[in-house]
Structures are given as structure tokens and as C-alpha cells.
Amino acid sequence: MKNKNTKPFDFWIFAAVILLLSLGTIMVFSSSYYFSTQKTGESFMLLRPQLLYMALSIAVLIGTMNFDYRKWGKISPIILMVSIGLLILVLIPGVGQNKNGAQRWLGVGSKTIQPSELAKLGVIMFLSFSLSKRKEVLQSFIKGLLPYLMLVGFIAGLVVVEPHLSGTLIIVITSFILLFCAGAKISHFIVMAAPVVVGVVGAILVAPYRFNRILAWLHPFDYYKDQGWQTVQSLLAIGSGGVFGRGLGQSMQKYLWIPEPYNDYIFAVLSEELGFIGALVVMLLFLIFIWRGIKVAMNAPDTFGSLMATGITCLIGLQFLFNVAVVTNSIPPTGISLPFFSYGGTSLIFLMYGVGILLNISRYSNYERF
């Protein structure tokens, strides 16, 4: 970037993400090679596409970190409308792909995308841009806050019927944080608490499988043959890892005890192979990312940059916290991937897209980088 006002990007964010991505790719291979061998006889079946996703995501990162973040605000309404259109398309029978009872994917065969991943960034971009232009309207609940809540509620509704409860929670929580940071009154959020709680309870009671998940969360070993199976196997993996772990590649639970161990429960395999020390290192890297992301947001040159940095940091931070909480049975299982670790292309590419924007904002922010 030739603008004389720009500075070097935040090294800590860049280093933390590259380290997480590198370790994540290693863990994808370690956790998937037995599954791949059993299915096709080829141990590199999942590693090859993951390496491709890694290369593409790094290219996206480099591109976005060198693209003026302020230009994203102007096209944020278009990005949001495209994401809404894709969320509607994925729900149409015969158009969206259904896997394991969830209709979240668009594409052909194994070449698919998850529209909810674009929706997460689309909501962050649009809210950040819109709120930076008219944040004073938030003082009014009816004219200011309510239209934003209706928009977020509509998008969250499209995601929840897929069903994708974890994606819905992340969109809603991130949106609330952005609205609060933009100046919404605390009293308005308190008033909204009751209908939100009623809605969550209703969503659990209406869908029996969600209620069963609550029971399996509270008493996983009583449901170890069905709903509690993954949780029990995850806890066994974490417990058997001890302080230093069994060693890289030496996990026992990945031998088809944990279903698809390279996805949502990859942190359990990591904890088993690298132990408490390895898990602690990964958590510290995420905490470094969150710390530096908050620093970028606090020192951004404008409100738009500050809100967008806040949203991107919350997005990745919440996914990390939710995934670790699910794997350790701290919250009910919701089916959420671990950023930069879980197998898949759509999530990784869009996450790196967001990180690239965050790094670009850091180039205009005024703070010490080392």
C-alpha cells in the first residue's frame, strides 16, 4: 500500500494465525489418516484438499490485507444481500445439500460452500458500515435499534432452520456486541432478554433432538450409546492425553471412536496427542489473536474500522470458545468448527478473509506493534 499513512500490519495477529493454520493442517492429517485409509486406502485423501484450502486462504489473506478496508463498507449492502440470497437458496429442496440432517451446503458433490460463513462476515460488514454512519439513531429503540434487530433476526432465522444453532448464536451474539459498542442502550438489551430466553427455550422444546442434547450434556455417560457418544469419547481423549500427550499421531480415539475426528472434535485429538501443554499453546495463540484484535479495534482511525475489527475478533474468538466448550462438555454440543483447525474450505477461506481485513485495519491504527 502506497498511502503514506499506512504502517506495518500487526505482526502478532499474523504470526498467531499462521501458527494456528500450520498446526491445524498437521492435526487434520493426524486425525484423518486412519479414516481416509479405511475409506479409500489413501491416507492423504483429506490432506490434499486441505493443503489446497490452506494455499487459497493464504492468498485471500494477502489480498485482503493489502486492500483498503474502507472500500468494503461501500459494497457491504451487496455482500449482505448476496449472503441472504444464498441462505434462501440453500433451504430450497433439491438445491441445498442435506448432510446428517442439516441442509447447509450449496454445490455439487464434495465441492460445496456454506452460505452461513459468508453471512457471518456480511452481517459484520453491513452493521459496522451502517452504524458508523448513523450510530446516533440507536438512542431510539423503535426507530433505531429495532430495524437492526429485525434484520439480524431474519438472517438468524434463515440459519437456524437449516438447522445450524451454533452459527445462529454467533451471528446474534456478534451483532449484539456491535450494537452495544456502537452506542445502543443497556436498558434496551435488558428489555430484549426475556423474549430471547423464551425463544431459545422454545427452540429447544420444539425440536426433540435439541432437548435430548441437553440431557446428554448433563449426563453424558448415561447416554454414551447414542447422544452422549461423542462427548464421552472426547472426554476420554482429553483425559488420556495427560500433561504431555501420547505423542503426535498416537491418538487412540481417532480410530473411529470419535466420528469424523478431523472436524468439530479435532481439539480433543490434539489434546490427546499433545496433552495439556499442546492444548494450552493453542489456547494462548487464540488469546493473543483476541488481545491484538481488541487493540486494533481500540486504535482504529475511524468508527467503521473499529466496529469491523471488533466484529471479526468476536467472530473468531466466539467460535474458538464455543468449540473448546463443546469438546470439554462445558456447554451442550452445537456442532461448531475450530477456527483454522477443522477440515473444510469454506470456513477457512472466509475466516482468513476476515483476518486479512483485520490486518489491513491494523495498518492504519495508531499503536505499538511490538
Protein backbone atom coordinates (compact mmCIF):
# COMPACT_ATOMS: atom_id res chain seq x y z
CA MET A 1 0.00 0.00 0.00
CA LYS A 2 1.45 3.33 -1.08
CA ASN A 3 -0.58 5.50 1.26
CA LYS A 4 1.95 7.30 3.44
CA ASN A 5 -0.40 6.99 6.43
CA THR A 6 -0.22 3.21 6.47
CA LYS A 7 2.03 1.26 8.82
CA PRO A 8 3.23 -2.34 9.03
CA PHE A 9 0.48 -4.86 9.74
CA ASP A 10 0.12 -6.33 13.22
CA PHE A 11 2.84 -8.99 13.43
CA TRP A 12 1.28 -10.76 16.45
CA ILE A 13 -2.03 -11.37 14.68
CA PHE A 14 -0.29 -12.57 11.53
CA ALA A 15 2.10 -14.87 13.43
CA ALA A 16 -0.64 -16.33 15.64
CA VAL A 17 -2.88 -17.10 12.66
CA ILE A 18 -0.09 -18.67 10.57
CA LEU A 19 1.00 -20.82 13.52
CA LEU A 20 -2.59 -21.92 14.17
CA LEU A 21 -3.15 -22.67 10.49
CA SER A 22 0.08 -24.69 10.23
CA LEU A 23 -0.62 -26.71 13.37
CA GLY A 24 -4.23 -27.13 12.27
CA THR A 25 -3.19 -28.63 8.94
CA ILE A 26 -0.87 -31.07 10.72
CA MET A 27 -3.70 -32.08 13.04
CA VAL A 28 -6.12 -32.54 10.13
CA PHE A 29 -3.73 -35.13 8.67
CA SER A 30 -3.04 -36.76 12.03
CA SER A 31 -6.74 -37.04 12.90
CA SER A 32 -7.93 -38.12 9.45
CA TYR A 33 -5.36 -40.54 8.04
CA TYR A 34 -6.92 -43.65 9.61
CA PHE A 35 -10.41 -42.64 8.45
CA SER A 36 -9.04 -41.91 4.97
CA THR A 37 -7.20 -45.21 4.82
CA GLN A 38 -10.27 -47.18 5.89
CA LYS A 39 -12.48 -45.41 3.38
CA THR A 40 -10.29 -45.26 0.28
CA GLY A 41 -6.96 -46.89 1.14
CA GLU A 42 -5.33 -43.49 0.62
CA SER A 43 -4.06 -41.85 3.82
CA PHE A 44 -3.72 -38.42 2.16
CA MET A 45 -7.36 -38.27 0.99
CA LEU A 46 -8.26 -35.29 3.20
CA LEU A 47 -4.81 -33.75 3.49
CA ARG A 48 -4.54 -32.88 -0.20
CA PRO A 49 -7.70 -30.75 -0.37
CA GLN A 50 -6.85 -29.20 3.00
CA LEU A 51 -3.46 -28.10 1.67
CA LEU A 52 -5.25 -26.55 -1.30
CA TYR A 53 -7.66 -24.75 1.03
CA MET A 54 -4.67 -23.57 3.06
CA ALA A 55 -2.96 -22.13 -0.02
CA LEU A 56 -6.15 -20.43 -1.23
CA SER A 57 -6.86 -18.99 2.21
CA ILE A 58 -3.34 -17.54 2.47
CA ALA A 59 -3.78 -15.95 -0.97
CA VAL A 60 -7.06 -14.43 0.23
CA LEU A 61 -5.33 -13.21 3.38
CA ILE A 62 -2.56 -11.49 1.43
CA GLY A 63 -5.04 -9.93 -0.97
CA THR A 64 -7.38 -8.53 1.67
CA MET A 65 -4.63 -7.28 3.98
CA ASN A 66 -3.42 -5.09 1.10
CA PHE A 67 -6.88 -3.83 0.13
CA ASP A 68 -8.16 -0.63 1.77
CA TYR A 69 -10.73 -1.82 4.34
CA ARG A 70 -12.85 1.32 3.87
CA LYS A 71 -13.87 0.15 0.41
CA TRP A 72 -15.61 -2.89 1.89
CA GLY A 73 -18.12 -0.60 3.57
CA LYS A 74 -19.42 0.69 0.27
CA ILE A 75 -20.18 -2.78 -1.04
CA SER A 76 -21.30 -4.26 2.30
CA PRO A 77 -25.05 -4.00 1.39
CA ILE A 78 -24.36 -6.05 -1.75
CA ILE A 79 -22.40 -8.66 0.21
CA LEU A 80 -25.22 -8.89 2.74
CA MET A 81 -27.90 -9.27 0.04
CA VAL A 82 -25.87 -11.97 -1.71
CA SER A 83 -25.47 -13.87 1.57
CA ILE A 84 -29.22 -13.63 2.27
CA GLY A 85 -29.98 -14.89 -1.24
CA LEU A 86 -27.65 -17.88 -0.74
CA LEU A 87 -29.20 -18.61 2.67
CA ILE A 88 -32.62 -18.78 0.99
CA LEU A 89 -31.31 -20.93 -1.88
CA VAL A 90 -29.76 -23.48 0.47
CA LEU A 91 -33.17 -24.13 2.05
CA ILE A 92 -34.84 -24.99 -1.27
CA PRO A 93 -35.27 -28.78 -1.62
CA GLY A 94 -33.12 -30.11 -4.43
CA VAL A 95 -30.87 -27.06 -4.40
CA GLY A 96 -29.26 -27.20 -0.97
CA GLN A 97 -27.37 -30.33 0.07
CA ASN A 98 -28.51 -32.26 3.13
CA LYS A 99 -25.85 -33.94 5.25
CA ASN A 100 -26.56 -35.64 8.56
CA GLY A 101 -29.98 -33.99 8.78
CA ALA A 102 -28.71 -30.44 8.14
CA GLN A 103 -29.23 -28.52 4.90
CA ARG A 104 -26.34 -26.05 4.97
CA TRP A 105 -24.42 -26.55 1.73
CA LEU A 106 -24.63 -25.40 -1.88
CA GLY A 107 -22.68 -27.07 -4.66
CA VAL A 108 -22.12 -30.34 -6.45
CA GLY A 109 -20.73 -33.45 -4.80
CA SER A 110 -17.87 -32.61 -2.46
CA LYS A 111 -17.39 -29.13 -3.98
CA THR A 112 -19.64 -27.13 -1.69
CA ILE A 113 -19.84 -23.86 0.20
CA GLN A 114 -21.69 -22.90 3.39
CA PRO A 115 -23.64 -19.65 2.86
CA SER A 116 -23.76 -19.13 6.64
CA GLU A 117 -19.99 -18.49 6.63
CA LEU A 118 -20.43 -15.58 4.21
CA ALA A 119 -23.45 -14.39 6.19
CA LYS A 120 -21.34 -14.02 9.35
CA LEU A 121 -18.96 -11.62 7.62
CA GLY A 122 -21.74 -9.96 5.66
CA VAL A 123 -23.60 -9.04 8.85
CA ILE A 124 -20.41 -7.71 10.46
CA MET A 125 -19.56 -5.57 7.43
CA PHE A 126 -23.04 -4.15 6.97
CA LEU A 127 -23.67 -3.39 10.63
CA SER A 128 -20.22 -1.80 11.00
CA PHE A 129 -20.72 0.43 7.97
CA SER A 130 -24.32 1.38 8.72
CA LEU A 131 -23.76 2.02 12.42
CA SER A 132 -20.69 4.13 11.72
CA LYS A 133 -22.86 6.44 9.60
CA ARG A 134 -25.91 6.71 11.86
CA LYS A 135 -25.00 5.47 15.34
CA GLU A 136 -26.98 8.29 17.00
CA VAL A 137 -30.25 6.61 15.96
CA LEU A 138 -29.56 3.77 18.41
CA GLN A 139 -30.75 6.01 21.23
CA SER A 140 -34.27 5.29 19.97
CA PHE A 141 -35.46 1.70 20.28
CA ILE A 142 -38.28 1.86 17.69
CA LYS A 143 -36.61 3.98 15.01
CA GLY A 144 -33.02 3.00 15.67
CA LEU A 145 -32.37 -0.36 17.29
CA LEU A 146 -35.47 -2.29 16.21
CA PRO A 147 -34.76 -2.25 12.42
CA TYR A 148 -31.30 -3.69 13.04
CA LEU A 149 -32.73 -6.35 15.35
CA MET A 150 -35.30 -7.31 12.72
CA LEU A 151 -32.56 -7.67 10.09
CA VAL A 152 -30.38 -9.78 12.38
CA GLY A 153 -33.42 -11.82 13.44
CA PHE A 154 -34.35 -12.52 9.82
CA ILE A 155 -30.84 -13.72 8.94
CA ALA A 156 -30.57 -15.74 12.16
CA GLY A 157 -33.96 -17.30 11.36
CA LEU A 158 -32.71 -18.47 7.96
CA VAL A 159 -29.65 -20.04 9.58
CA VAL A 160 -31.48 -21.71 12.46
CA VAL A 161 -33.90 -23.59 10.18
CA GLU A 162 -31.01 -25.29 8.33
CA PRO A 163 -30.60 -26.20 11.29
CA HIS A 164 -27.36 -24.50 12.38
CA LEU A 165 -27.78 -23.42 16.00
CA SER A 166 -24.11 -22.57 16.62
CA GLY A 167 -23.96 -20.35 13.53
CA THR A 168 -27.14 -18.62 14.67
CA LEU A 169 -25.72 -17.95 18.13
CA ILE A 170 -22.51 -16.50 16.72
CA ILE A 171 -24.38 -14.18 14.35
CA VAL A 172 -26.72 -12.98 17.12
CA ILE A 173 -24.05 -12.53 19.82
CA THR A 174 -21.63 -10.77 17.46
CA SER A 175 -24.41 -8.47 16.25
CA PHE A 176 -25.40 -7.59 19.82
CA ILE A 177 -21.79 -6.79 20.68
CA LEU A 178 -21.52 -4.50 17.64
CA LEU A 179 -24.79 -2.75 18.51
CA PHE A 180 -23.64 -2.26 22.09
CA CYS A 181 -20.24 -0.92 21.02
CA ALA A 182 -21.97 1.44 18.58
CA GLY A 183 -23.97 3.04 21.40
CA ALA A 184 -27.15 1.02 21.98
CA LYS A 185 -28.57 1.46 25.47
CA ILE A 186 -28.06 -1.30 28.04
CA SER A 187 -31.70 -0.90 29.10
CA HIS A 188 -32.83 -1.92 25.61
CA PHE A 189 -30.83 -5.15 25.83
CA ILE A 190 -32.30 -5.90 29.27
CA VAL A 191 -35.81 -5.49 27.86
CA MET A 192 -34.92 -7.86 24.99
CA ALA A 193 -33.53 -10.51 27.33
CA ALA A 194 -36.93 -12.01 28.16
CA PRO A 195 -38.09 -12.71 24.56
CA VAL A 196 -34.61 -14.03 23.66
CA VAL A 197 -34.69 -16.50 26.57
CA VAL A 198 -38.23 -17.55 25.63
CA GLY A 199 -37.14 -18.02 22.02
CA VAL A 200 -34.15 -20.17 22.97
CA VAL A 201 -36.22 -22.32 25.33
CA GLY A 202 -38.91 -22.64 22.66
CA ALA A 203 -36.36 -23.70 20.03
CA ILE A 204 -35.12 -26.41 22.41
CA LEU A 205 -38.57 -27.70 23.30
CA VAL A 206 -39.94 -27.66 19.74
CA ALA A 207 -37.07 -29.81 18.42
CA PRO A 208 -36.77 -33.06 20.45
CA TYR A 209 -33.20 -33.66 19.30
CA ARG A 210 -32.12 -30.39 20.95
CA PHE A 211 -33.76 -31.38 24.24
CA ASN A 212 -32.02 -34.76 24.06
CA ARG A 213 -28.74 -32.93 23.57
CA ILE A 214 -29.34 -31.05 26.82
CA LEU A 215 -29.92 -34.32 28.68
CA ALA A 216 -26.85 -35.91 27.08
CA TRP A 217 -24.82 -32.85 28.08
CA LEU A 218 -25.89 -33.09 31.71
CA HIS A 219 -25.41 -36.86 31.92
CA PRO A 220 -23.16 -37.91 29.00
CA PHE A 221 -22.17 -41.29 30.42
CA ASP A 222 -25.85 -42.22 30.84
CA TYR A 223 -26.31 -41.63 27.08
CA TYR A 224 -22.95 -42.96 25.91
CA LYS A 225 -24.56 -45.31 23.39
CA ASP A 226 -26.32 -42.55 21.44
CA GLN A 227 -26.50 -38.77 22.08
CA GLY A 228 -23.62 -38.78 24.56
CA TRP A 229 -21.26 -40.89 22.46
CA GLN A 230 -19.15 -38.07 21.01
CA THR A 231 -18.93 -36.25 24.33
CA VAL A 232 -17.78 -39.37 26.20
CA GLN A 233 -15.17 -40.20 23.56
CA SER A 234 -13.99 -36.57 23.57
CA LEU A 235 -13.57 -36.54 27.35
CA LEU A 236 -11.72 -39.86 27.22
CA ALA A 237 -9.36 -38.44 24.60
CA ILE A 238 -8.64 -35.29 26.61
CA GLY A 239 -8.17 -37.22 29.86
CA SER A 240 -5.84 -39.80 28.35
CA GLY A 241 -3.61 -37.08 26.91
CA GLY A 242 -2.31 -36.08 30.33
CA VAL A 243 0.23 -33.29 30.59
CA PHE A 244 2.45 -34.06 27.59
CA GLY A 245 0.17 -36.24 25.46
CA ARG A 246 0.57 -39.62 23.82
CA GLY A 247 2.65 -38.10 21.01
CA LEU A 248 1.82 -36.70 17.58
CA GLY A 249 -0.07 -39.30 15.56
CA GLN A 250 -0.62 -41.57 18.58
CA SER A 251 -4.26 -40.81 19.39
CA MET A 252 -6.44 -43.85 20.07
CA GLN A 253 -9.83 -42.13 19.94
CA LYS A 254 -9.37 -41.09 16.30
CA TYR A 255 -9.64 -44.75 15.29
CA LEU A 256 -13.33 -44.17 14.54
CA TRP A 257 -14.28 -43.82 18.20
CA ILE A 258 -14.85 -40.10 17.64
CA PRO A 259 -16.96 -39.73 14.47
CA GLU A 260 -15.14 -37.50 11.95
CA PRO A 261 -12.39 -36.51 14.43
CA TYR A 262 -10.94 -34.04 11.90
CA ASN A 263 -13.97 -31.74 12.18
CA ASP A 264 -15.70 -30.39 15.29
CA TYR A 265 -13.79 -32.58 17.77
CA ILE A 266 -10.29 -32.07 16.41
CA PHE A 267 -9.34 -30.24 19.63
CA ALA A 268 -9.95 -33.49 21.56
CA VAL A 269 -7.50 -35.34 19.30
CA LEU A 270 -4.99 -32.50 19.70
CA SER A 271 -5.33 -32.71 23.49
CA GLU A 272 -4.81 -36.47 23.42
CA GLU A 273 -1.72 -36.32 21.21
CA LEU A 274 -0.09 -33.13 22.52
CA GLY A 275 -1.51 -33.15 26.04
CA PHE A 276 -2.32 -30.22 28.29
CA ILE A 277 0.80 -28.37 27.11
CA GLY A 278 -0.20 -28.56 23.46
CA ALA A 279 -3.78 -27.54 24.20
CA LEU A 280 -2.51 -24.64 26.32
CA VAL A 281 -0.26 -23.41 23.50
CA VAL A 282 -3.19 -23.41 21.07
CA MET A 283 -5.41 -21.53 23.53
CA LEU A 284 -2.65 -18.98 24.15
CA LEU A 285 -2.33 -18.37 20.41
CA PHE A 286 -6.06 -17.70 20.19
CA LEU A 287 -5.85 -15.40 23.21
CA ILE A 288 -3.01 -13.49 21.54
CA PHE A 289 -5.19 -13.08 18.46
CA ILE A 290 -8.11 -11.81 20.56
CA TRP A 291 -5.86 -9.44 22.54
CA ARG A 292 -4.32 -7.92 19.42
CA GLY A 293 -7.68 -7.78 17.65
CA ILE A 294 -9.11 -5.74 20.53
CA LYS A 295 -6.03 -3.49 20.37
CA VAL A 296 -6.61 -2.89 16.66
CA ALA A 297 -10.27 -2.07 17.31
CA MET A 298 -9.46 0.37 20.11
CA ASN A 299 -6.91 2.23 17.99
CA ALA A 300 -8.65 2.15 14.60
CA PRO A 301 -8.70 5.51 12.76
CA ASP A 302 -12.49 5.57 12.35
CA THR A 303 -15.69 4.07 13.75
CA PHE A 304 -16.18 1.76 10.78
CA GLY A 305 -12.72 0.22 11.22
CA SER A 306 -13.19 -0.07 14.98
CA LEU A 307 -16.54 -1.84 14.68
CA MET A 308 -15.38 -4.17 11.92
CA ALA A 309 -12.23 -5.11 13.86
CA THR A 310 -14.44 -5.78 16.89
CA GLY A 311 -16.81 -7.94 14.86
CA ILE A 312 -14.08 -10.04 13.23
CA THR A 313 -12.29 -10.56 16.54
CA CYS A 314 -15.58 -11.59 18.20
CA LEU A 315 -16.43 -13.94 15.33
CA ILE A 316 -13.20 -15.92 15.60
CA GLY A 317 -12.99 -15.63 19.39
CA LEU A 318 -16.55 -16.90 19.88
CA GLN A 319 -16.03 -19.85 17.53
CA PHE A 320 -12.89 -20.80 19.44
CA LEU A 321 -14.58 -20.51 22.84
CA PHE A 322 -17.70 -22.40 21.74
CA ASN A 323 -15.71 -25.23 20.16
CA VAL A 324 -13.47 -25.76 23.19
CA ALA A 325 -16.52 -25.51 25.48
CA VAL A 326 -18.35 -28.19 23.47
CA VAL A 327 -15.35 -30.52 23.32
CA THR A 328 -14.83 -30.25 27.09
CA ASN A 329 -18.61 -30.64 27.71
CA SER A 330 -18.82 -27.17 29.27
CA ILE A 331 -21.85 -26.38 27.07
CA PRO A 332 -24.25 -28.62 25.13
CA PRO A 333 -22.92 -29.86 21.77
CA THR A 334 -23.80 -27.47 18.94
CA GLY A 335 -21.70 -28.65 16.02
CA ILE A 336 -19.17 -25.83 15.61
CA SER A 337 -15.78 -25.97 13.92
CA LEU A 338 -12.48 -24.88 15.48
CA PRO A 339 -11.11 -21.91 13.51
CA PHE A 340 -8.00 -22.71 11.41
CA PHE A 341 -8.10 -26.36 12.54
CA SER A 342 -11.27 -28.16 11.46
CA TYR A 343 -11.29 -29.71 8.00
CA GLY A 344 -13.08 -27.72 5.31
CA GLY A 345 -12.57 -24.95 2.79
CA THR A 346 -15.45 -22.50 3.09
CA SER A 347 -14.97 -21.69 6.75
CA LEU A 348 -11.18 -21.41 6.45
CA ILE A 349 -11.25 -19.12 3.41
CA PHE A 350 -13.84 -16.77 4.90
CA LEU A 351 -12.01 -16.70 8.25
CA MET A 352 -8.78 -15.71 6.50
CA TYR A 353 -10.75 -13.16 4.51
CA GLY A 354 -11.80 -11.61 7.82
CA VAL A 355 -8.27 -11.80 9.26
CA GLY A 356 -6.95 -10.03 6.15
CA ILE A 357 -9.39 -7.17 6.72
CA LEU A 358 -8.34 -7.01 10.37
CA LEU A 359 -4.67 -6.82 9.37
CA ASN A 360 -5.46 -4.05 6.90
CA ILE A 361 -7.20 -2.06 9.62
CA SER A 362 -4.11 -2.54 11.80
CA ARG A 363 -2.03 -0.79 9.13
CA TYR A 364 -3.99 2.40 9.72
CA SER A 365 -4.24 2.08 13.51
CA ASN A 366 -2.04 4.06 15.85
CA TYR A 367 -0.38 1.80 18.45
CA GLU A 368 2.84 -0.06 19.18
CA ARG A 369 3.12 -3.28 17.18
CA PHE A 370 5.89 -4.99 19.17
